[in-house]
Protein backbone atom coordinates (compact mmCIF):
# COMPACT_ATOMS: atom_id res chain seq x y z
CA MET A 1 57.61 50.61 6.60
CA THR A 2 54.93 53.68 7.45
CA VAL A 3 56.03 57.14 9.01
CA ALA A 4 53.86 55.92 11.91
CA THR A 5 55.96 52.25 12.42
CA THR A 6 59.19 54.71 12.13
CA LYS A 7 57.82 57.28 14.89
CA ARG A 8 56.98 54.71 16.70
CA MET A 9 60.42 53.34 16.68
CA ARG A 10 61.97 56.26 17.60
CA ALA A 11 59.33 56.41 20.36
CA MET A 12 60.38 53.05 21.74
CA LEU A 13 64.27 53.62 21.45
CA ALA A 14 64.38 56.98 23.61
CA VAL A 15 62.66 54.98 26.05
CA LYS A 16 64.79 51.43 25.92
CA PRO A 17 67.87 51.69 28.07
CA LYS A 18 71.02 52.67 26.38
CA THR A 19 72.84 49.56 27.31
CA ASP A 20 71.67 46.00 27.69
CA ASP A 21 72.43 45.55 31.70
CA ALA A 22 69.98 43.54 33.28
CA LEU A 23 67.51 45.45 35.51
CA PRO A 24 65.67 44.51 38.71
CA VAL A 25 62.02 43.06 38.21
CA ALA A 26 60.39 46.83 38.84
CA GLU A 27 62.56 49.07 36.58
CA ALA A 28 62.04 46.71 34.09
CA VAL A 29 58.65 46.55 34.06
CA ALA A 30 58.65 50.09 34.40
CA VAL A 31 60.72 50.39 31.36
CA LEU A 32 58.06 48.42 29.69
CA LYS A 33 55.58 51.00 30.83
CA LYS A 34 56.70 54.18 29.30
CA PHE A 35 56.87 52.54 26.00
CA PRO A 36 54.32 54.00 23.29
CA PRO A 37 50.32 52.39 23.82
CA THR A 38 49.18 50.69 21.01
CA LYS A 39 45.64 50.37 19.60
CA PHE A 40 45.19 47.13 21.44
CA ASP A 41 45.64 45.12 24.88
CA GLN A 42 49.32 44.16 24.47
CA THR A 43 50.37 40.83 25.73
CA VAL A 44 53.59 41.02 27.69
CA GLU A 45 55.65 37.87 27.55
CA ILE A 46 58.95 36.58 29.02
CA HIS A 47 62.16 34.93 27.70
CA MET A 48 64.87 32.91 29.88
CA ARG A 49 67.52 31.39 28.05
CA LEU A 50 68.81 28.31 30.73
CA GLY A 51 72.16 26.87 30.58
CA ILE A 52 70.66 23.65 29.53
CA ASP A 53 71.15 20.56 27.07
CA PRO A 54 67.56 20.62 25.41
CA LYS A 55 68.80 17.57 23.75
CA GLN A 56 69.18 15.90 27.26
CA ALA A 57 65.63 13.99 28.23
CA ASP A 58 66.12 15.21 31.84
CA GLN A 59 67.48 18.65 30.91
CA ILE A 60 63.82 19.59 30.10
CA ILE A 61 62.32 22.35 31.34
CA ARG A 62 58.77 21.54 31.31
CA GLY A 63 55.67 22.55 33.45
CA SER A 64 52.89 24.76 34.37
CA ILE A 65 52.26 27.55 36.76
CA VAL A 66 49.10 29.46 38.20
CA LEU A 67 50.24 32.80 38.01
CA PRO A 68 49.16 35.74 41.42
CA HIS A 69 47.21 37.71 38.79
CA GLY A 70 46.41 35.37 35.98
CA ILE A 71 47.13 36.58 32.36
CA GLY A 72 44.40 38.40 30.83
CA LYS A 73 42.91 35.93 29.21
CA SER A 74 40.56 32.79 29.51
CA LYS A 75 41.62 29.65 27.85
CA ARG A 76 39.63 27.45 25.68
CA VAL A 77 39.82 24.25 27.50
CA VAL A 78 38.02 20.56 26.20
CA VAL A 79 38.00 17.66 28.03
CA PHE A 80 38.37 13.81 28.10
CA ALA A 81 36.24 12.66 30.36
CA LYS A 82 33.13 10.54 31.88
CA GLY A 83 30.72 10.27 34.49
CA ASN A 84 30.83 12.31 37.36
CA LEU A 85 34.54 13.81 36.28
CA ALA A 86 32.65 15.07 32.76
CA ASP A 87 29.86 16.68 34.98
CA ASP A 88 32.90 18.38 36.72
CA ALA A 89 34.55 19.83 33.67
CA LYS A 90 31.35 21.18 32.57
CA ALA A 91 30.30 22.80 35.94
CA ALA A 92 34.13 24.47 35.78
CA GLY A 93 33.65 25.85 32.74
CA ALA A 94 34.72 23.80 29.81
CA GLU A 95 34.29 24.24 26.10
CA GLU A 96 33.31 21.17 25.57
CA VAL A 97 33.71 17.54 27.24
CA GLY A 98 33.64 14.11 25.82
CA ALA A 99 35.09 10.81 24.88
CA ASP A 100 34.63 8.99 21.16
CA ASP A 101 32.79 11.74 20.05
CA LEU A 102 35.34 14.26 21.08
CA ALA A 103 38.10 12.37 19.78
CA LYS A 104 36.30 11.94 16.03
CA LYS A 105 35.94 15.65 15.79
CA ILE A 106 39.69 16.20 16.57
CA LYS A 107 40.55 13.53 14.71
CA GLU A 108 38.94 15.42 11.60
CA GLY A 109 40.81 18.37 12.19
CA TRP A 110 38.91 20.03 14.81
CA THR A 111 42.01 22.15 16.84
CA ASP A 112 39.71 25.35 18.22
CA PHE A 113 40.70 25.40 21.79
CA ASP A 114 43.74 25.98 23.84
CA VAL A 115 44.01 23.43 26.27
CA CYS A 116 43.27 19.95 25.90
CA ILE A 117 42.87 17.80 29.22
CA ALA A 118 42.29 14.24 30.02
CA ALA A 119 41.35 11.82 33.11
CA PRO A 120 43.55 9.19 33.17
CA ASP A 121 41.72 6.63 32.03
CA MET A 122 40.87 8.44 28.66
CA MET A 123 44.57 8.31 27.63
CA GLY A 124 44.02 5.00 25.76
CA LEU A 125 41.13 7.09 23.41
CA VAL A 126 43.37 10.07 23.62
CA GLY A 127 46.90 8.30 22.56
CA PRO A 128 46.07 8.03 18.84
CA LEU A 129 45.15 11.86 18.45
CA GLY A 130 49.08 12.27 19.16
CA LYS A 131 49.33 12.89 15.55
CA VAL A 132 46.95 15.96 15.14
CA LEU A 133 47.77 17.36 19.07
CA GLY A 134 51.53 16.77 19.36
CA PRO A 135 52.10 19.20 16.87
CA ARG A 136 50.07 22.27 18.01
CA GLY A 137 51.39 21.50 21.43
CA LEU A 138 48.04 20.31 22.81
CA MET A 139 48.57 17.01 23.84
CA PRO A 140 47.37 16.16 27.22
CA SER A 141 50.47 15.28 29.76
CA PRO A 142 50.90 14.23 33.09
CA ARG A 143 54.24 16.25 33.08
CA ALA A 144 52.43 19.50 32.01
CA GLY A 145 49.55 18.58 34.84
CA THR A 146 46.98 17.87 32.03
CA VAL A 147 46.36 14.68 32.29
CA THR A 148 44.77 14.56 35.38
CA ALA A 149 41.76 12.69 37.91
CA ASP A 150 41.51 16.28 39.40
CA ILE A 151 39.36 17.35 36.73
CA LYS A 152 37.52 20.28 37.85
CA LYS A 153 40.30 22.18 39.94
CA THR A 154 42.48 21.54 36.77
CA VAL A 155 39.91 23.24 34.35
CA SER A 156 39.31 26.10 36.51
CA GLU A 157 43.19 26.54 36.64
CA TYR A 158 43.16 27.08 32.94
CA LYS A 159 40.20 29.26 32.65
CA ALA A 160 41.52 31.72 34.90
CA GLY A 161 44.65 31.59 32.65
CA LYS A 162 46.89 28.82 33.46
CA VAL A 163 50.28 28.98 31.41
CA GLU A 164 52.17 26.45 30.64
CA PHE A 165 55.46 26.27 29.06
CA ARG A 166 58.35 24.64 27.52
CA ASN A 167 62.09 25.32 26.16
CA ASP A 168 62.54 25.68 23.15
CA PRO A 169 65.09 23.84 21.03
CA THR A 170 68.05 26.53 21.78
CA GLY A 171 67.25 26.15 25.56
CA ILE A 172 64.97 29.45 25.70
CA VAL A 173 61.25 29.19 27.80
CA HIS A 174 58.71 31.70 26.42
CA ALA A 175 56.09 32.33 28.60
CA VAL A 176 52.76 35.15 28.62
CA VAL A 177 53.26 36.66 31.96
CA GLY A 178 50.35 39.04 31.87
CA LYS A 179 48.76 42.09 29.44
CA SER A 180 50.19 45.79 29.16
CA SER A 181 46.80 47.39 30.78
CA PHE A 182 47.99 45.23 34.08
CA ASP A 183 49.29 47.79 36.82
CA ALA A 184 53.20 47.45 37.33
CA ALA A 185 52.69 45.88 40.88
CA LYS A 186 50.47 42.56 39.08
CA LEU A 187 53.38 42.62 36.09
CA ILE A 188 56.10 42.73 38.68
CA ASP A 189 54.31 39.78 41.10
CA ASN A 190 53.78 37.91 37.98
CA ILE A 191 57.37 37.98 36.72
CA ARG A 192 58.88 37.40 40.06
CA ALA A 193 56.70 34.10 40.37
CA PHE A 194 57.44 32.93 36.60
CA ILE A 195 61.07 33.53 37.46
CA ASP A 196 61.34 31.92 41.00
CA HIS A 197 59.53 28.73 39.71
CA ILE A 198 62.08 28.34 36.13
CA ALA A 199 64.96 28.69 38.87
CA GLY A 200 63.63 26.33 41.43
CA MET A 201 63.10 23.93 38.15
CA GLN A 202 67.16 23.64 37.92
CA PRO A 203 67.76 19.58 36.98
CA SER A 204 71.07 18.48 38.97
CA SER A 205 72.90 17.44 35.98
CA VAL A 206 72.52 21.07 35.07
CA ARG A 207 76.87 22.71 35.57
CA GLY A 208 77.49 26.17 35.57
CA GLN A 209 74.93 28.89 35.37
CA TYR A 210 71.54 28.04 34.70
CA LEU A 211 69.52 31.48 34.44
CA LYS A 212 71.74 32.74 31.54
CA SER A 213 69.60 35.73 30.59
CA ILE A 214 65.64 36.91 31.19
CA SER A 215 64.24 39.26 29.00
CA ILE A 216 60.47 40.91 29.40
CA SER A 217 58.90 42.54 25.92
CA GLY A 218 55.12 43.66 25.11
CA THR A 219 54.02 42.10 21.74
CA MET A 220 55.28 45.19 19.78
CA THR A 221 57.85 46.34 21.57
CA PRO A 222 61.36 45.94 22.19
CA GLY A 223 62.64 43.50 25.20
CA VAL A 224 63.84 44.40 28.43
CA MET A 225 66.83 42.89 30.23
CA VAL A 226 65.90 41.51 33.82
CA ALA A 227 68.33 40.59 36.63
CA GLY A 228 67.32 37.38 37.63
């Protein structure tokens, strides 16, 4: 550990609340903003521990959301579509649009993109690509909204920074909610929107406390606990 790293860590610990008591969103963001800056624009993430059983299919928390102020990053989008839908995808800014040619390219190992969207009639072509796309979290899914006939809208949303999420095996949902350069009001709006969205997805089969704990952090900061 370098002297600079140690100095930065001490500075962050001096700012971090002495207890892990959950703070209102605005106060938690204020703490995050006080941490020493880095030479790059840190990504701000939210981590929500849920009272779900990840092994139960009806308790999986998965979906997507367009945050009020985006996430400060435009995603690279590829689309499986033909005809008018392919034209829509190109018009909305997709990096690559195709069918058999795109499938061949991906089958050969190309995955230099963040999101894969497919028109419903293309899933017969996309299905066999699961071995390549699945492990990378890139497989189009109706539940995530990436299998859709509304190609233009969906591509536009992802280009604007639409966020996909899915709980991990321990029942925690992790997601990007902005950049450290965002002003506090924008981060607060994004965080509240994400918390409200997840809260509204509580499965009917969940008993007991659903939102167990919430924290926010920057790429290189400690976590700050947030009140749900």
